[in-house]
Amino acid sequence: MANLVTAARAGNSANIGAGLDALGRALDRASLAQTQVGSSFGLLDDVRASLSTQRLGVTAELSKTEDADMASAITNMTQADTAYRAALAAFGRIGTVSLMDYLK
């Protein structure tokens, strides 16, 4: 910029042209940087929306986990344990080989 001002004061048209070209290139770089910043802001907005959606999902899952009905969970586990023990007992009776089975 200082060289362009000096060239303009001196009336040096060659240096003014070179200075204007340099100024045009600087404006192009600034415009490119501005475009990149705008794209980055758009990407940040997309990521922010995605994180908000994920946060809501995690909060819902946490709520379901924390609000579990303990009485219902204990009842279900007791029923499962009873069924498991009954299956073990039935297999134990079926799988038992007696002396009479060997004598047959």
C-alpha atoms as a PDB file:
ATOM      1  CA  MET A   1       0.000   0.000   0.000  1.00  0.00           C
ATOM      2  CA  ALA A   2       2.812   2.392   0.882  1.00  0.00           C
ATOM      3  CA  ASN A   3       4.507   1.749  -2.476  1.00  0.00           C
ATOM      4  CA  LEU A   4       1.214   2.393  -4.286  1.00  0.00           C
ATOM      5  CA  VAL A   5       0.771   5.717  -2.456  1.00  0.00           C
ATOM      6  CA  THR A   6       4.358   6.719  -3.255  1.00  0.00           C
ATOM      7  CA  ALA A   7       3.885   5.794  -6.926  1.00  0.00           C
ATOM      8  CA  ALA A   8       0.639   7.769  -7.111  1.00  0.00           C
ATOM      9  CA  ARG A   9       2.254  10.873  -5.589  1.00  0.00           C
ATOM     10  CA  ALA A  10       5.158  10.576  -8.004  1.00  0.00           C
ATOM     11  CA  GLY A  11       2.865   9.945 -10.971  1.00  0.00           C
ATOM     12  CA  ASN A  12       4.710   6.711 -11.865  1.00  0.00           C
ATOM     13  CA  SER A  13       2.081   4.840 -13.874  1.00  0.00           C
ATOM     14  CA  ALA A  14       4.126   1.614 -14.142  1.00  0.00           C
ATOM     15  CA  ASN A  15       4.431   1.327 -10.363  1.00  0.00           C
ATOM     16  CA  ILE A  16       0.772   2.340  -9.935  1.00  0.00           C
ATOM     17  CA  GLY A  17      -0.238  -0.520 -12.260  1.00  0.00           C
ATOM     18  CA  ALA A  18       1.962  -2.981 -10.357  1.00  0.00           C
ATOM     19  CA  GLY A  19       0.566  -1.718  -7.058  1.00  0.00           C
ATOM     20  CA  LEU A  20      -3.024  -2.082  -8.275  1.00  0.00           C
ATOM     21  CA  ASP A  21      -2.272  -5.630  -9.460  1.00  0.00           C
ATOM     22  CA  ALA A  22      -0.811  -6.487  -6.050  1.00  0.00           C
ATOM     23  CA  LEU A  23      -3.848  -4.924  -4.377  1.00  0.00           C
ATOM     24  CA  GLY A  24      -6.143  -7.033  -6.601  1.00  0.00           C
ATOM     25  CA  ARG A  25      -4.274 -10.206  -5.633  1.00  0.00           C
ATOM     26  CA  ALA A  26      -4.533  -9.280  -1.938  1.00  0.00           C
ATOM     27  CA  LEU A  27      -8.294  -8.741  -2.318  1.00  0.00           C
ATOM     28  CA  ASP A  28      -8.588 -12.130  -4.054  1.00  0.00           C
ATOM     29  CA  ARG A  29      -6.757 -13.804  -1.152  1.00  0.00           C
ATOM     30  CA  ALA A  30      -8.986 -12.017   1.354  1.00  0.00           C
ATOM     31  CA  SER A  31     -12.085 -13.115  -0.570  1.00  0.00           C
ATOM     32  CA  LEU A  32     -10.842 -16.725  -0.625  1.00  0.00           C
ATOM     33  CA  ALA A  33     -10.156 -16.628   3.104  1.00  0.00           C
ATOM     34  CA  GLN A  34     -13.615 -15.176   3.703  1.00  0.00           C
ATOM     35  CA  THR A  35     -15.167 -17.998   1.654  1.00  0.00           C
ATOM     36  CA  GLN A  36     -13.247 -20.622   3.625  1.00  0.00           C
ATOM     37  CA  VAL A  37     -14.329 -19.075   6.923  1.00  0.00           C
ATOM     38  CA  GLY A  38     -17.948 -19.068   5.743  1.00  0.00           C
ATOM     39  CA  SER A  39     -17.709 -22.734   4.758  1.00  0.00           C
ATOM     40  CA  SER A  40     -16.191 -23.570   8.129  1.00  0.00           C
ATOM     41  CA  PHE A  41     -19.033 -21.786   9.921  1.00  0.00           C
ATOM     42  CA  GLY A  42     -21.535 -23.801   7.873  1.00  0.00           C
ATOM     43  CA  LEU A  43     -19.757 -27.015   8.829  1.00  0.00           C
ATOM     44  CA  LEU A  44     -19.748 -25.972  12.494  1.00  0.00           C
ATOM     45  CA  ASP A  45     -23.503 -25.365  12.354  1.00  0.00           C
ATOM     46  CA  ASP A  46     -24.033 -28.849  10.893  1.00  0.00           C
ATOM     47  CA  VAL A  47     -21.867 -30.439  13.589  1.00  0.00           C
ATOM     48  CA  ARG A  48     -23.642 -28.437  16.298  1.00  0.00           C
ATOM     49  CA  ALA A  49     -27.039 -29.696  15.071  1.00  0.00           C
ATOM     50  CA  SER A  50     -25.766 -33.279  14.946  1.00  0.00           C
ATOM     51  CA  LEU A  51     -24.348 -33.031  18.471  1.00  0.00           C
ATOM     52  CA  SER A  52     -27.643 -31.609  19.745  1.00  0.00           C
ATOM     53  CA  THR A  53     -29.519 -34.562  18.236  1.00  0.00           C
ATOM     54  CA  GLN A  54     -27.053 -37.030  19.751  1.00  0.00           C
ATOM     55  CA  ARG A  55     -27.300 -35.290  23.121  1.00  0.00           C
ATOM     56  CA  LEU A  56     -31.085 -35.648  23.099  1.00  0.00           C
ATOM     57  CA  GLY A  57     -30.757 -39.344  22.273  1.00  0.00           C
ATOM     58  CA  VAL A  58     -28.233 -39.951  25.038  1.00  0.00           C
ATOM     59  CA  THR A  59     -30.378 -38.012  27.511  1.00  0.00           C
ATOM     60  CA  ALA A  60     -33.398 -40.148  26.590  1.00  0.00           C
ATOM     61  CA  GLU A  61     -31.395 -43.370  27.030  1.00  0.00           C
ATOM     62  CA  LEU A  62     -30.033 -42.157  30.364  1.00  0.00           C
ATOM     63  CA  SER A  63     -33.530 -41.304  31.516  1.00  0.00           C
ATOM     64  CA  LYS A  64     -34.776 -44.775  30.562  1.00  0.00           C
ATOM     65  CA  THR A  65     -31.891 -46.357  32.447  1.00  0.00           C
ATOM     66  CA  GLU A  66     -32.312 -44.229  35.555  1.00  0.00           C
ATOM     67  CA  ASP A  67     -36.102 -44.577  35.609  1.00  0.00           C
ATOM     68  CA  ALA A  68     -36.092 -48.386  35.435  1.00  0.00           C
ATOM     69  CA  ASP A  69     -38.773 -49.986  37.591  1.00  0.00           C
ATOM     70  CA  MET A  70     -36.753 -51.956  40.125  1.00  0.00           C
ATOM     71  CA  ALA A  71     -39.688 -54.110  41.275  1.00  0.00           C
ATOM     72  CA  SER A  72     -40.385 -55.138  37.693  1.00  0.00           C
ATOM     73  CA  ALA A  73     -36.709 -55.847  37.050  1.00  0.00           C
ATOM     74  CA  ILE A  74     -36.455 -58.008  40.195  1.00  0.00           C
ATOM     75  CA  THR A  75     -39.633 -59.898  39.247  1.00  0.00           C
ATOM     76  CA  ASN A  76     -38.308 -60.574  35.744  1.00  0.00           C
ATOM     77  CA  MET A  77     -34.954 -61.763  37.086  1.00  0.00           C
ATOM     78  CA  THR A  78     -36.690 -64.048  39.602  1.00  0.00           C
ATOM     79  CA  GLN A  79     -38.843 -65.557  36.858  1.00  0.00           C
ATOM     80  CA  ALA A  80     -35.792 -66.110  34.676  1.00  0.00           C
ATOM     81  CA  ASP A  81     -33.927 -67.739  37.581  1.00  0.00           C
ATOM     82  CA  THR A  82     -36.870 -70.025  38.322  1.00  0.00           C
ATOM     83  CA  ALA A  83     -37.101 -71.092  34.670  1.00  0.00           C
ATOM     84  CA  TYR A  84     -33.354 -71.722  34.584  1.00  0.00           C
ATOM     85  CA  ARG A  85     -33.444 -73.856  37.730  1.00  0.00           C
ATOM     86  CA  ALA A  86     -36.437 -75.818  36.434  1.00  0.00           C
ATOM     87  CA  ALA A  87     -34.614 -76.527  33.175  1.00  0.00           C
ATOM     88  CA  LEU A  88     -31.532 -77.688  35.086  1.00  0.00           C
ATOM     89  CA  ALA A  89     -33.633 -79.955  37.289  1.00  0.00           C
ATOM     90  CA  ALA A  90     -35.464 -81.451  34.295  1.00  0.00           C
ATOM     91  CA  PHE A  91     -32.202 -82.131  32.488  1.00  0.00           C
ATOM     92  CA  GLY A  92     -30.787 -83.630  35.664  1.00  0.00           C
ATOM     93  CA  ARG A  93     -33.676 -86.073  35.862  1.00  0.00           C
ATOM     94  CA  ILE A  94     -33.522 -86.953  32.190  1.00  0.00           C
ATOM     95  CA  GLY A  95     -29.766 -87.208  32.074  1.00  0.00           C
ATOM     96  CA  THR A  96     -29.496 -89.391  35.185  1.00  0.00           C
ATOM     97  CA  VAL A  97     -28.543 -92.958  34.394  1.00  0.00           C
ATOM     98  CA  SER A  98     -29.374 -95.531  37.017  1.00  0.00           C
ATOM     99  CA  LEU A  99     -27.993 -99.024  37.593  1.00  0.00           C
ATOM    100  CA  MET A 100     -31.161-100.429  36.018  1.00  0.00           C
ATOM    101  CA  ASP A 101     -30.399 -98.547  32.797  1.00  0.00           C
ATOM    102  CA  TYR A 102     -27.020-100.296  32.612  1.00  0.00           C
ATOM    103  CA  LEU A 103     -28.551-103.713  33.289  1.00  0.00           C
ATOM    104  CA  LYS A 104     -31.041-103.443  30.403  1.00  0.00           C
END
